[in-house]
Structure formats: structure tokens, C-alpha cells
Amino acid sequence: MDTTPTTAPGARAGRREWLGLAVLALPTILLALDFSVLFLALPHLSADLAPDGAQQLWIMDVYGFMIAGFLVTMGTLGDRVGRRKLLMIGAVAFAGASVLAAYSTSAEMLIATRALLGIAGATLMPSTLSLITTMFTDGRQRAAAIGVWMACFMGGTAVGPVVGGVLLQWFWWGSVFLMGVPVMILLLVTAPVLLPEHRDPTGGKLDLASVALSLAAILPVIFGLKEIAKDGFAIVPLVAVVAGVVFGVLFVRRQRTLTNPLMEVSLFADRAFSGALGVMLLGVLTVGGSTLLFATYLQDVQGMSPLAAGLWMLPHTAAQMIGVVLATMLVRTIRPAYLIAGGLVITVVGFLIVSQVSATGGITLAVVGLSIAFFGGAPIAGLGVDLIVSSAPSEKAGSASSISETNIEFGMALGVAVMGSIGAAVYRNQMAETSVPADAAEAGDTLTGATTTAADLPGEAGASLLAAAREAFTSGFGTAAAVCAGIAAVVAVLAVTLLRHIPAAGAAEADTAESGVEEATAEKATITRE
């Protein structure tokens, strides 16, 4: 089996590679779409399977938990067994789990199949990204290809509710899972023709103890952050986060003693790698938190259906996708640090606009502000991943890809927890000044609780409580947006400080070409002397 890249180092990719990118875009969109497609399907499947409250949460969350937990393992496994091989194995598993999920006969079966989907998804995500680094060795083309990959991931997340709404208009809830089957069949047919195989010949065996430690580190932290975002600070999620950190320390210590570690911790010694990770983590934090609050604002404050809310969320996603494409073009002449920092200045302006949103008539201001903010943050999304994976040796691309994607998962979870907690704190403080019925304390804790309470109150009392709750939530949304603006300003400074040594793509290409000419001249002179 061919284990070499389809293009020589620095060579420009051709038609086969770009067609291969189109193939890799399909599972990327599908995996992202599966994160959000259940927003609309949950009421329908609940009517059939009758899950209790805890089971509903697991149906929604277990997919993301499994992806986050297994990314590191699967990224390194792809380096060992072959990235295309792992991609195809994952495609078979994902298609099979999709069918099982679609025809689940109980809540427990659906939770189990969603977990299988997450594990299969964890094989696909790092495989697609590491294959891109193998196929596109020219710096400018690789940046553009990764930008397309990132845009597909963002677009898939945004259109999930829209696609779910369309399918549920005509079919039963299982159809939202079955749409993955033809995508995976197409991938299995085209992958052997269009995608190269590549593996690390010195990878060695997979260390199962490291796999266990990585899961023990990642899963409790993700779980704890999600629980804090939903219910505030409590002993169980805090203990989970602390336990995850402890296992994370043990995991890192073990990696340093292994000849063939599960995670290449030595990659963090590279300034570009660690700097890009830090900048992306904080940048994604603002995206995750603001997206959650905006979705709640659309549905619970503006009273939109999930489908309508999904449509209103498309503008800022489109703005970010446009920004990603533009960033990959501008990086040829502008250093990534300055491009990222300049974009973040725009992000600050956008979030400050969002901070002025009101509960009534604020939808246009929110959409415009978030579109500006996400457009400005696009260089982080478009260039950050490329900076991370291009800093690693080609044989470690799978490990670098999995670290990058795990970093994104942590950033999203942390953003949801931090911004959700800020919004909740403002909500509770403002509602404390409102007359809330003594037997309905939940109205003072969450907007959902206030909505339920208001429906049981007579006329003017219910309307007054609901108006106050919506205003309180909007104040929390605005405060969180202002915090996001502050974080974006800090990240802009960090980007310039940590990444300014990285040249523009055009300058790097020129240096590479000049180096090649000098080597060729020296070789020619040697031959002449001989």
C-alpha cells in the first residue's frame, strides 16, 4: 500500500488533491451537523422512546463527550495504522451506528448508539485534518484547504437545526441519523482513489494505560464544565474537573517516559505550536459562550421556534466562513499574528455592539454585532489550525490534529461554562430585585423556570414576571458579550506577542525557494569540481 504523500514536500497540489478535499469535507460537515441536529428531533423521539430528564441529557451530550474523549487516542492511532485506513474504518462504524440510532427502540439503546457515533466520529475528525496536511504540502494551499475544512465544520454546526427541521417536516425522527449513511458510503467508494495513505513507521504499539488516563483526564473536565454551565457551581462538577486535571498531570508524566507516547508532549515545546493553541483556546471560548446565549435569546426571549432560531444564526456563521476564506488569502502578505490581532480588534467592536442588545426589538442589533464579531474572529479559525498542524513533523500530523481538535472541544466547553455562568449570575442578581412567587424559586434561577411559572400566573402578573425575566436574561447576555470583547482584546495582544515571529506565507515560500536554489547551486558546483 502506498504510504507516501500525493505531493512532494512544498509541491503544489493538483486536481486529485482538491477532489480529495471535497471528499473530506463531507464527513466534516456531517460530524458537525450531528452536534446540533437533535435540537429539533428531541421532542419527536421523546414521544416515541419516553426518556426521562437524565436520559434526554445523555442523548444530547454523550456524542460530544465520546468525540472529545477519544480524539487524542484516535489521532495517534491514525499515525500508527494509517490515516486513510482509520478514516474508512470510522466511516463503516459511523454508518452502522447511524442505522442503529435511527431504529432505536428504547432510550438506553439510543444513548448507546449515540456513544458509538461519538467514538466513530473521533476516528474521522483527526483523520480528515491530518490527511489534508499530507495532501497539501504547499504552505499557501494547505492554509486554504484547512480554511475550507474549518468552514465546513462551522457551517455544519449552524445548519444542523435547519436540516433537522426540513427532515422532520417529511419524515420520522430517525431520518436525522440516516442521512449519514449515504455520505459514509460515498466516502468509502472515493477514499481509495482520491486519498493517500500515510502512517508513522516508528509509531510502535498503542499504550492502553495512556488511553485510559487520557479518557480519565478529558471526560470529567468536559462533563464538569457542561454541568457548571447548566446548573452553576456545585460540588460534583467541581470534583469532576479537579479529578480530570489530576489524571491529566498523570497522563503527561507517563507520556514523558514512553518511547512511543500516545500524545507527543514534546510538540508543546515549539513556540508556534503552543502559542497557536493558547490563542485558539481563548478565541473559541468567546465563540462557544456567545453562541449558546444567542440561541437561548432567540428562542426564550424572542419566542422563536428552533428552526427559525437556526435560520437567524446563519448570518454570523456565513460571516465567519467568508472571513476564513479571506484570511487564507491575506496571510500570503500579512503575518498571521497581525492578521489575527487585526481581526480580533473587529471582534471587540462586534461584541460591544451585542452588549447593547435589549429584550425587545434587539434581534437586528444582535445579528449584526455577532456577524461582525465572528467575521473578526475568522483568522483564528482559518489560520490557527494550520499554525498548529504545520508546526509538527509530518509523521506526527495525526497527533497534532487531535491535540488541535481537543483544544477546540475544551475551548467550546469552557466558553459555554464561563459565559453561561456570567449570564446566570447577572440573571439571578437582577431577578432578586423582582417579585417572584415564594413557591416558584426556579423563576429566579433560570429563564426557563420563569417562563413555566409565568404560564401558571394570572394575566398581568404572569406577563410582568416574564418581561422581567427576559430583560434579566438579556442583561446577562450583554454582560457576557462585554466580557467576550475584553477577552478578544487580550487575545489580540497575546497573538502579537506569541506569534509575531511567524512570517507571512508568501515570505516563507520565498525563503524556501531561495534555499532550494542555493542547495541546487551548491550541488552543481560540487559536481563540477568532481
Protein backbone atom coordinates (compact mmCIF):
# COMPACT_ATOMS: atom_id res chain seq x y z
CA MET A 1 0.00 0.00 0.00
CA ASP A 2 1.25 3.45 -0.87
CA THR A 3 2.39 5.27 2.27
CA THR A 4 3.71 8.45 0.67
CA PRO A 5 2.04 11.81 0.25
CA THR A 6 0.46 12.52 -3.13
CA THR A 7 2.63 15.62 -3.44
CA ALA A 8 6.30 16.13 -2.70
CA PRO A 9 7.16 18.50 0.16
CA GLY A 10 6.46 22.05 -0.99
CA ALA A 11 4.93 20.91 -4.31
CA ARG A 12 1.59 22.34 -5.36
CA ALA A 13 -1.43 20.09 -5.12
CA GLY A 14 -3.31 19.13 -8.25
CA ARG A 15 -6.81 18.10 -9.25
CA ARG A 16 -6.71 14.81 -7.35
CA GLU A 17 -5.91 16.56 -4.06
CA TRP A 18 -8.68 19.14 -4.43
CA LEU A 19 -11.18 16.42 -5.25
CA GLY A 20 -9.91 14.59 -2.18
CA LEU A 21 -10.58 17.71 -0.12
CA ALA A 22 -14.18 17.69 -1.36
CA VAL A 23 -14.46 14.09 -0.16
CA LEU A 24 -13.05 15.01 3.26
CA ALA A 25 -15.45 17.94 3.53
CA LEU A 26 -18.47 15.60 3.54
CA PRO A 27 -17.79 13.78 6.84
CA THR A 28 -16.60 17.05 8.38
CA ILE A 29 -19.95 18.73 7.68
CA LEU A 30 -21.83 15.64 8.85
CA LEU A 31 -19.92 15.32 12.12
CA ALA A 32 -20.52 18.98 12.98
CA LEU A 33 -24.15 18.75 11.94
CA ASP A 34 -24.70 15.82 14.32
CA PHE A 35 -23.79 18.10 17.24
CA SER A 36 -26.87 20.27 16.71
CA VAL A 37 -29.33 18.31 14.59
CA LEU A 38 -31.08 16.82 17.65
CA PHE A 39 -32.21 20.24 18.88
CA LEU A 40 -35.42 19.75 16.91
CA ALA A 41 -35.64 15.95 16.92
CA LEU A 42 -35.58 15.58 20.71
CA PRO A 43 -39.32 16.26 21.26
CA HIS A 44 -40.23 13.77 18.49
CA LEU A 45 -38.02 10.93 19.73
CA SER A 46 -39.10 11.67 23.31
CA ALA A 47 -42.69 10.97 22.30
CA ASP A 48 -41.65 7.54 20.98
CA LEU A 49 -38.97 6.45 23.45
CA ALA A 50 -40.18 8.30 26.58
CA PRO A 51 -36.73 9.09 28.05
CA ASP A 52 -36.62 10.70 31.49
CA GLY A 53 -34.84 14.02 32.08
CA ALA A 54 -31.42 12.48 32.73
CA GLN A 55 -31.70 10.24 29.66
CA GLN A 56 -32.59 13.23 27.47
CA LEU A 57 -29.42 14.98 28.60
CA TRP A 58 -27.33 11.91 27.84
CA ILE A 59 -28.92 11.54 24.41
CA MET A 60 -27.86 15.11 23.64
CA ASP A 61 -24.43 15.12 25.30
CA VAL A 62 -22.90 11.64 25.05
CA TYR A 63 -21.96 12.17 21.36
CA GLY A 64 -19.81 15.19 22.17
CA PHE A 65 -18.35 13.51 25.27
CA MET A 66 -17.15 10.49 23.28
CA ILE A 67 -15.66 12.60 20.50
CA ALA A 68 -13.77 14.76 22.99
CA GLY A 69 -12.59 11.75 24.98
CA PHE A 70 -11.28 9.69 22.07
CA LEU A 71 -9.75 12.40 19.85
CA VAL A 72 -6.25 12.06 21.29
CA THR A 73 -6.32 8.27 21.05
CA MET A 74 -7.68 8.15 17.51
CA GLY A 75 -5.36 10.85 16.19
CA THR A 76 -2.31 8.93 17.36
CA LEU A 77 -3.82 5.60 16.26
CA GLY A 78 -4.16 7.03 12.74
CA ASP A 79 -0.45 7.84 12.72
CA ARG A 80 0.26 4.22 13.63
CA VAL A 81 -2.16 2.17 11.49
CA GLY A 82 -2.64 4.62 8.61
CA ARG A 83 -4.83 7.71 8.37
CA ARG A 84 -6.86 6.61 5.36
CA LYS A 85 -7.35 3.15 6.86
CA LEU A 86 -8.64 4.60 10.13
CA LEU A 87 -10.88 7.01 8.21
CA MET A 88 -12.50 4.13 6.34
CA ILE A 89 -12.90 2.03 9.48
CA GLY A 90 -14.53 5.01 11.15
CA ALA A 91 -16.84 5.53 8.16
CA VAL A 92 -18.10 1.94 8.39
CA ALA A 93 -18.62 2.28 12.15
CA PHE A 94 -20.38 5.64 11.77
CA ALA A 95 -22.75 4.33 9.10
CA GLY A 96 -23.60 1.26 11.17
CA ALA A 97 -24.16 3.27 14.34
CA SER A 98 -26.33 5.73 12.40
CA VAL A 99 -28.67 2.94 11.32
CA LEU A 100 -28.86 1.57 14.86
CA ALA A 101 -29.60 5.05 16.22
CA ALA A 102 -32.32 5.66 13.64
CA TYR A 103 -34.13 2.47 14.60
CA SER A 104 -33.53 2.60 18.36
CA THR A 105 -36.38 1.07 20.35
CA SER A 106 -35.50 2.50 23.76
CA ALA A 107 -33.80 5.48 25.31
CA GLU A 108 -30.98 3.25 26.55
CA MET A 109 -30.36 1.93 23.03
CA LEU A 110 -30.26 5.45 21.60
CA ILE A 111 -27.78 6.59 24.25
CA ALA A 112 -25.54 3.62 23.47
CA THR A 113 -25.68 4.19 19.72
CA ARG A 114 -25.02 7.92 20.17
CA ALA A 115 -21.93 6.93 22.17
CA LEU A 116 -20.82 4.68 19.29
CA LEU A 117 -21.39 7.55 16.88
CA GLY A 118 -19.14 9.73 19.01
CA ILE A 119 -16.34 7.15 19.10
CA ALA A 120 -16.62 6.68 15.32
CA GLY A 121 -16.66 10.45 14.88
CA ALA A 122 -13.43 10.67 16.87
CA THR A 123 -11.75 8.46 14.25
CA LEU A 124 -12.97 10.68 11.42
CA MET A 125 -12.11 14.17 12.66
CA PRO A 126 -8.32 13.90 13.13
CA SER A 127 -8.06 11.63 10.09
CA THR A 128 -9.59 14.24 7.79
CA LEU A 129 -7.36 17.02 9.07
CA SER A 130 -4.12 15.00 9.08
CA LEU A 131 -4.83 13.75 5.54
CA ILE A 132 -5.16 17.37 4.43
CA THR A 133 -1.66 18.10 5.76
CA THR A 134 -0.39 15.08 3.83
CA MET A 135 -2.10 16.08 0.57
CA PHE A 136 -1.32 19.80 0.68
CA THR A 137 2.38 20.38 1.35
CA ASP A 138 2.48 23.84 -0.24
CA GLY A 139 2.01 26.29 2.63
CA ARG A 140 -0.45 28.57 0.87
CA GLN A 141 -2.58 25.72 -0.45
CA ARG A 142 -2.54 23.94 2.90
CA ALA A 143 -3.78 27.07 4.65
CA ALA A 144 -6.58 27.41 2.09
CA ALA A 145 -7.52 23.72 2.40
CA ILE A 146 -7.62 23.87 6.20
CA GLY A 147 -9.68 27.04 5.92
CA VAL A 148 -12.20 25.15 3.79
CA TRP A 149 -12.19 22.29 6.31
CA MET A 150 -12.83 24.68 9.20
CA ALA A 151 -15.57 26.50 7.27
CA CYS A 152 -17.28 23.14 6.63
CA PHE A 153 -17.17 22.32 10.33
CA MET A 154 -18.64 25.68 11.31
CA GLY A 155 -21.26 25.52 8.59
CA GLY A 156 -22.33 22.02 9.61
CA THR A 157 -22.92 23.11 13.19
CA ALA A 158 -25.00 26.09 12.09
CA VAL A 159 -27.23 24.28 9.60
CA GLY A 160 -27.97 21.35 11.93
CA PRO A 161 -31.25 22.78 13.25
CA VAL A 162 -32.26 23.87 9.75
CA VAL A 163 -31.61 20.44 8.22
CA GLY A 164 -33.33 18.77 11.16
CA GLY A 165 -36.37 20.98 10.70
CA VAL A 166 -36.66 20.14 7.00
CA LEU A 167 -36.31 16.39 7.57
CA LEU A 168 -38.83 16.38 10.41
CA GLN A 169 -41.36 18.10 8.17
CA TRP A 170 -41.50 14.99 6.00
CA PHE A 171 -40.00 12.03 7.88
CA TRP A 172 -39.77 10.50 11.37
CA TRP A 173 -37.05 11.43 13.87
CA GLY A 174 -34.73 8.60 12.79
CA SER A 175 -34.17 10.32 9.44
CA VAL A 176 -31.77 12.80 11.07
CA PHE A 177 -29.41 9.87 11.69
CA LEU A 178 -29.90 8.05 8.38
CA MET A 179 -28.63 10.99 6.34
CA GLY A 180 -25.13 9.99 7.46
CA VAL A 181 -25.28 6.62 5.69
CA PRO A 182 -25.03 7.77 2.03
CA VAL A 183 -22.28 10.23 2.99
CA MET A 184 -20.20 7.45 4.51
CA ILE A 185 -20.85 5.12 1.54
CA LEU A 186 -19.61 7.85 -0.82
CA LEU A 187 -16.52 8.29 1.37
CA LEU A 188 -15.78 4.55 1.30
CA VAL A 189 -16.07 4.45 -2.50
CA THR A 190 -13.92 7.50 -3.24
CA ALA A 191 -11.29 7.34 -0.47
CA PRO A 192 -9.12 4.58 -2.02
CA VAL A 193 -8.98 6.54 -5.28
CA LEU A 194 -8.55 10.13 -4.11
CA LEU A 195 -6.92 9.93 -0.68
CA PRO A 196 -3.32 8.88 0.05
CA GLU A 197 -2.31 6.53 2.83
CA HIS A 198 0.23 7.71 5.37
CA ARG A 199 1.48 6.38 8.69
CA ASP A 200 4.36 6.83 11.10
CA PRO A 201 6.64 3.78 10.60
CA THR A 202 8.22 4.36 14.04
CA GLY A 203 4.90 4.69 15.87
CA GLY A 204 5.10 1.47 17.89
CA LYS A 205 2.24 -0.10 19.84
CA LEU A 206 -0.67 1.78 21.37
CA ASP A 207 -0.23 2.21 25.14
CA LEU A 208 -3.57 1.22 26.67
CA ALA A 209 -2.71 2.75 30.04
CA SER A 210 -2.25 6.10 28.32
CA VAL A 211 -5.61 5.67 26.58
CA ALA A 212 -7.29 5.10 29.95
CA LEU A 213 -5.52 8.10 31.51
CA SER A 214 -6.48 10.35 28.59
CA LEU A 215 -10.13 9.41 28.96
CA ALA A 216 -9.94 9.90 32.74
CA ALA A 217 -8.48 13.36 32.14
CA ILE A 218 -10.70 14.65 29.35
CA LEU A 219 -14.16 13.25 30.08
CA PRO A 220 -14.51 14.52 33.69
CA VAL A 221 -13.37 18.03 32.70
CA ILE A 222 -15.79 18.24 29.78
CA PHE A 223 -18.59 16.82 31.94
CA GLY A 224 -17.83 19.21 34.80
CA LEU A 225 -17.73 22.28 32.56
CA LYS A 226 -21.03 21.35 30.92
CA GLU A 227 -22.70 20.80 34.30
CA ILE A 228 -21.40 24.11 35.63
CA ALA A 229 -22.82 25.83 32.55
CA LYS A 230 -26.25 24.26 33.11
CA ASP A 231 -26.64 24.34 36.89
CA GLY A 232 -23.91 26.63 38.20
CA PHE A 233 -21.08 25.74 40.56
CA ALA A 234 -21.73 22.61 42.62
CA ILE A 235 -19.61 20.02 44.36
CA VAL A 236 -19.99 17.21 41.80
CA PRO A 237 -18.89 19.14 38.67
CA LEU A 238 -16.07 20.84 40.58
CA VAL A 239 -14.78 17.48 41.82
CA ALA A 240 -15.02 16.13 38.27
CA VAL A 241 -12.91 19.00 36.91
CA VAL A 242 -10.29 18.61 39.66
CA ALA A 243 -10.16 14.84 39.11
CA GLY A 244 -9.70 15.38 35.38
CA VAL A 245 -6.83 17.78 35.99
CA VAL A 246 -5.13 15.28 38.33
CA PHE A 247 -5.43 12.49 35.76
CA GLY A 248 -4.17 14.94 33.13
CA VAL A 249 -0.99 15.51 35.13
CA LEU A 250 -0.50 11.75 35.46
CA PHE A 251 -1.12 11.36 31.72
CA VAL A 252 1.54 13.93 30.82
CA ARG A 253 4.06 12.38 33.23
CA ARG A 254 3.53 8.97 31.64
CA GLN A 255 3.95 10.34 28.11
CA ARG A 256 7.37 11.68 29.02
CA THR A 257 8.55 8.20 29.99
CA LEU A 258 7.36 6.38 26.85
CA THR A 259 9.37 5.83 23.70
CA ASN A 260 6.17 5.98 21.63
CA PRO A 261 3.76 8.16 23.62
CA LEU A 262 0.06 8.49 22.92
CA MET A 263 0.44 12.28 22.83
CA GLU A 264 3.60 13.99 21.65
CA VAL A 265 4.01 16.37 24.59
CA SER A 266 7.31 17.46 23.04
CA LEU A 267 5.24 19.37 20.48
CA PHE A 268 4.33 21.89 23.18
CA ALA A 269 7.98 23.00 23.32
CA ASP A 270 7.51 24.58 19.89
CA ARG A 271 6.63 28.25 20.38
CA ALA A 272 4.38 28.41 17.32
CA PHE A 273 2.52 25.23 18.33
CA SER A 274 1.85 26.18 21.96
CA GLY A 275 1.20 29.85 21.11
CA ALA A 276 -1.36 28.96 18.44
CA LEU A 277 -3.05 26.50 20.83
CA GLY A 278 -3.41 29.16 23.52
CA VAL A 279 -4.72 31.80 21.13
CA MET A 280 -7.22 29.36 19.62
CA LEU A 281 -8.42 28.14 23.02
CA LEU A 282 -9.30 31.66 24.16
CA GLY A 283 -10.73 32.61 20.77
CA VAL A 284 -13.00 29.56 20.69
CA LEU A 285 -14.06 30.32 24.28
CA THR A 286 -15.80 33.51 23.14
CA VAL A 287 -17.46 31.70 20.24
CA GLY A 288 -18.85 28.84 22.36
CA GLY A 289 -20.25 31.05 25.09
CA SER A 290 -21.83 33.67 22.85
CA THR A 291 -23.41 31.06 20.55
CA LEU A 292 -25.17 29.33 23.43
CA LEU A 293 -26.53 32.58 24.88
CA PHE A 294 -27.63 33.84 21.47
CA ALA A 295 -29.52 30.60 20.74
CA THR A 296 -31.32 30.92 24.08
CA TYR A 297 -32.01 34.60 23.44
CA LEU A 298 -33.66 33.81 20.10
CA GLN A 299 -35.89 31.06 21.46
CA ASP A 300 -36.72 32.12 25.02
CA VAL A 301 -36.58 35.91 24.75
CA GLN A 302 -37.69 36.48 21.16
CA GLY A 303 -40.01 33.43 21.24
CA MET A 304 -38.73 31.79 18.04
CA SER A 305 -39.02 28.13 17.13
CA PRO A 306 -35.73 26.16 16.94
CA LEU A 307 -35.98 26.20 13.14
CA ALA A 308 -36.46 29.98 12.99
CA ALA A 309 -33.65 30.43 15.51
CA GLY A 310 -31.39 28.27 13.34
CA LEU A 311 -32.10 30.48 10.34
CA TRP A 312 -31.29 33.63 12.34
CA MET A 313 -27.97 32.06 13.35
CA LEU A 314 -26.87 31.59 9.75
CA PRO A 315 -25.71 35.21 9.13
CA HIS A 316 -22.90 35.20 11.69
CA THR A 317 -21.84 31.72 10.58
CA ALA A 318 -21.72 32.91 6.96
CA ALA A 319 -19.71 35.96 8.04
CA GLN A 320 -17.20 33.71 9.77
CA MET A 321 -16.90 31.42 6.73
CA ILE A 322 -16.28 34.43 4.48
CA GLY A 323 -13.69 35.68 6.96
CA VAL A 324 -11.91 32.32 6.96
CA VAL A 325 -11.56 32.35 3.18
CA LEU A 326 -10.38 35.97 3.21
CA ALA A 327 -7.82 35.25 5.97
CA THR A 328 -6.26 32.40 4.00
CA MET A 329 -5.79 34.81 1.09
CA LEU A 330 -4.37 37.71 3.12
CA VAL A 331 -1.91 35.55 5.07
CA ARG A 332 0.25 35.41 1.94
CA THR A 333 1.29 39.02 2.51
CA ILE A 334 0.41 39.68 6.18
CA ARG A 335 1.98 37.89 9.13
CA PRO A 336 -0.53 35.58 10.87
CA ALA A 337 -0.03 37.35 14.20
CA TYR A 338 -1.02 40.73 12.80
CA LEU A 339 -3.89 39.26 10.78
CA ILE A 340 -5.30 37.51 13.85
CA ALA A 341 -4.81 40.58 16.06
CA GLY A 342 -6.41 42.89 13.49
CA GLY A 343 -9.38 40.59 13.19
CA LEU A 344 -9.79 40.50 16.94
CA VAL A 345 -9.99 44.28 17.05
CA ILE A 346 -13.02 43.91 14.77
CA THR A 347 -14.32 41.21 17.11
CA VAL A 348 -14.13 43.60 20.05
CA VAL A 349 -16.32 46.09 18.16
CA GLY A 350 -18.84 43.36 17.32
CA PHE A 351 -19.18 42.12 20.89
CA LEU A 352 -19.53 45.66 22.20
CA ILE A 353 -22.46 46.10 19.82
CA VAL A 354 -24.02 42.88 21.15
CA SER A 355 -23.62 44.17 24.71
CA GLN A 356 -26.15 46.88 23.90
CA VAL A 357 -28.93 44.45 22.87
CA SER A 358 -32.33 44.85 24.54
CA ALA A 359 -35.06 42.31 25.22
CA THR A 360 -37.47 43.97 22.80
CA GLY A 361 -36.52 44.76 19.24
CA GLY A 362 -32.86 43.82 19.69
CA ILE A 363 -32.68 41.00 17.17
CA THR A 364 -31.16 43.07 14.36
CA LEU A 365 -28.52 44.56 16.64
CA ALA A 366 -27.61 41.11 17.96
CA VAL A 367 -27.30 39.58 14.49
CA VAL A 368 -25.21 42.49 13.16
CA GLY A 369 -22.97 42.54 16.23
CA LEU A 370 -22.35 38.79 16.20
CA SER A 371 -21.72 38.80 12.45
CA ILE A 372 -19.04 41.47 12.94
CA ALA A 373 -17.57 39.60 15.93
CA PHE A 374 -17.44 36.24 14.16
CA PHE A 375 -16.02 37.81 10.99
CA GLY A 376 -13.22 39.33 13.04
CA GLY A 377 -12.55 36.03 14.79
CA ALA A 378 -12.29 34.15 11.50
CA PRO A 379 -8.48 34.40 11.20
CA ILE A 380 -8.14 32.36 14.40
CA ALA A 381 -10.38 29.66 12.94
CA GLY A 382 -8.80 29.79 9.49
CA LEU A 383 -5.13 30.11 10.45
CA GLY A 384 -4.92 28.70 13.97
CA VAL A 385 -5.35 25.05 12.95
CA ASP A 386 -2.81 25.43 10.14
CA LEU A 387 -0.29 27.01 12.51
CA ILE A 388 -0.75 24.10 14.91
CA VAL A 389 -0.50 21.18 12.48
CA SER A 390 2.21 22.74 10.29
CA SER A 391 4.43 23.13 13.38
CA ALA A 392 4.51 19.36 13.85
CA PRO A 393 6.55 16.82 11.82
CA SER A 394 4.51 15.23 9.03
CA GLU A 395 4.60 11.79 10.67
CA LYS A 396 3.01 13.30 13.78
CA ALA A 397 0.25 15.15 11.92
CA GLY A 398 -2.44 12.89 13.37
CA SER A 399 -1.32 13.58 16.92
CA ALA A 400 -1.11 17.33 16.23
CA SER A 401 -4.56 17.28 14.61
CA SER A 402 -6.11 15.51 17.59
CA ILE A 403 -4.49 17.97 20.01
CA SER A 404 -5.86 20.85 17.92
CA GLU A 405 -9.39 19.45 17.89
CA THR A 406 -9.33 18.52 21.58
CA ASN A 407 -8.24 22.09 22.23
CA ILE A 408 -11.29 23.31 20.30
CA GLU A 409 -13.57 21.00 22.31
CA PHE A 410 -12.14 22.35 25.57
CA GLY A 411 -12.49 25.92 24.34
CA MET A 412 -16.13 25.42 23.42
CA ALA A 413 -16.95 23.69 26.73
CA LEU A 414 -15.05 26.31 28.72
CA GLY A 415 -16.78 29.11 26.83
CA VAL A 416 -20.21 27.63 27.48
CA ALA A 417 -19.39 27.21 31.19
CA VAL A 418 -17.81 30.64 31.74
CA MET A 419 -20.22 32.73 29.68
CA GLY A 420 -23.20 30.69 30.84
CA SER A 421 -22.17 31.27 34.46
CA ILE A 422 -21.73 35.01 33.87
CA GLY A 423 -25.14 35.25 32.22
CA ALA A 424 -26.75 33.20 35.01
CA ALA A 425 -25.16 35.33 37.74
CA VAL A 426 -26.45 38.55 36.18
CA TYR A 427 -29.88 36.97 35.70
CA ARG A 428 -30.15 35.88 39.34
CA ASN A 429 -28.96 39.22 40.68
CA GLN A 430 -31.45 41.15 38.57
CA MET A 431 -34.32 38.75 39.32
CA ALA A 432 -33.58 39.08 43.05
CA GLU A 433 -35.00 42.59 42.76
CA THR A 434 -38.19 41.26 41.13
CA SER A 435 -41.22 39.98 42.97
CA VAL A 436 -41.07 36.22 42.43
CA PRO A 437 -43.69 33.91 43.98
CA ALA A 438 -42.34 32.16 47.07
CA ASP A 439 -43.31 28.70 45.76
CA ALA A 440 -41.59 29.22 42.39
CA ALA A 441 -37.95 29.86 43.26
CA GLU A 442 -36.85 28.38 39.90
CA ALA A 443 -38.15 31.53 38.22
CA GLY A 444 -35.35 33.42 39.89
CA ASP A 445 -32.74 30.89 38.76
CA THR A 446 -33.40 30.35 35.06
CA LEU A 447 -35.36 31.91 32.23
CA THR A 448 -36.97 28.52 31.53
CA GLY A 449 -38.20 28.39 35.13
CA ALA A 450 -39.61 31.91 34.84
CA THR A 451 -41.42 31.00 31.62
CA THR A 452 -43.02 27.97 33.29
CA THR A 453 -44.00 29.99 36.36
CA ALA A 454 -45.41 32.87 34.29
CA ALA A 455 -47.68 30.48 32.40
CA ASP A 456 -49.33 29.49 35.71
CA LEU A 457 -49.85 33.05 36.95
CA PRO A 458 -52.95 35.10 36.17
CA GLY A 459 -52.83 37.68 33.36
CA GLU A 460 -50.81 40.75 34.27
CA ALA A 461 -48.74 39.01 36.96
CA GLY A 462 -47.51 36.35 34.54
CA ALA A 463 -46.75 38.88 31.80
CA SER A 464 -44.87 41.11 34.25
CA LEU A 465 -42.75 38.24 35.55
CA LEU A 466 -41.93 37.01 32.03
CA ALA A 467 -40.96 40.51 30.87
CA ALA A 468 -38.66 40.93 33.87
CA ALA A 469 -37.07 37.51 33.29
CA ARG A 470 -36.44 38.23 29.62
CA GLU A 471 -34.89 41.59 30.47
CA ALA A 472 -32.70 39.96 33.12
CA PHE A 473 -31.50 37.28 30.70
CA THR A 474 -30.76 39.90 28.04
CA SER A 475 -28.72 41.86 30.57
CA GLY A 476 -26.73 38.70 31.27
CA PHE A 477 -26.25 38.15 27.54
CA GLY A 478 -24.98 41.71 27.15
CA THR A 479 -22.61 41.39 30.11
CA ALA A 480 -21.19 38.14 28.72
CA ALA A 481 -20.70 39.85 25.34
CA ALA A 482 -18.77 42.66 27.03
CA VAL A 483 -16.57 40.06 28.74
CA CYS A 484 -16.02 38.40 25.34
CA ALA A 485 -14.90 41.78 24.00
CA GLY A 486 -12.36 42.04 26.81
CA ILE A 487 -11.08 38.51 26.18
CA ALA A 488 -10.75 39.24 22.45
CA ALA A 489 -8.64 42.31 23.24
CA VAL A 490 -6.35 40.23 25.47
CA VAL A 491 -6.03 37.51 22.82
CA ALA A 492 -5.07 40.14 20.23
CA VAL A 493 -2.13 41.16 22.41
CA LEU A 494 -1.18 37.52 23.01
CA ALA A 495 -1.28 36.77 19.28
CA VAL A 496 1.18 39.55 18.50
CA THR A 497 3.40 38.57 21.43
CA LEU A 498 3.50 34.81 20.82
CA LEU A 499 3.18 34.50 17.04
CA ARG A 500 4.88 37.56 15.54
CA HIS A 501 7.98 35.52 14.64
CA ILE A 502 5.97 33.51 12.08
CA PRO A 503 6.39 35.01 8.59
CA ALA A 504 3.66 35.58 6.04
CA ALA A 505 3.04 32.58 3.79
CA GLY A 506 4.47 34.37 0.76
CA ALA A 507 7.68 35.23 2.58
CA ALA A 508 8.03 31.65 3.81
CA GLU A 509 7.60 30.33 0.27
CA ALA A 510 10.22 32.76 -1.00
CA ASP A 511 12.67 31.64 1.69
CA THR A 512 12.03 28.00 0.80
CA ALA A 513 12.54 28.68 -2.89
CA GLU A 514 15.76 30.63 -2.22
CA SER A 515 17.02 27.82 -0.02
CA GLY A 516 16.27 25.33 -2.78
CA VAL A 517 18.16 27.41 -5.34
CA GLU A 518 21.17 27.69 -3.02
CA GLU A 519 21.19 23.92 -2.46
CA ALA A 520 20.92 23.25 -6.19
CA THR A 521 23.78 25.69 -6.92
CA ALA A 522 25.97 24.10 -4.27
CA GLU A 523 25.24 20.63 -5.63
CA LYS A 524 26.05 21.76 -9.17
CA ALA A 525 29.34 23.30 -8.02
CA THR A 526 30.27 20.06 -6.27
CA ILE A 527 29.56 18.03 -9.39
CA THR A 528 31.63 20.47 -11.49
CA ARG A 529 34.65 20.20 -9.15
CA GLU A 530 34.43 16.44 -9.24
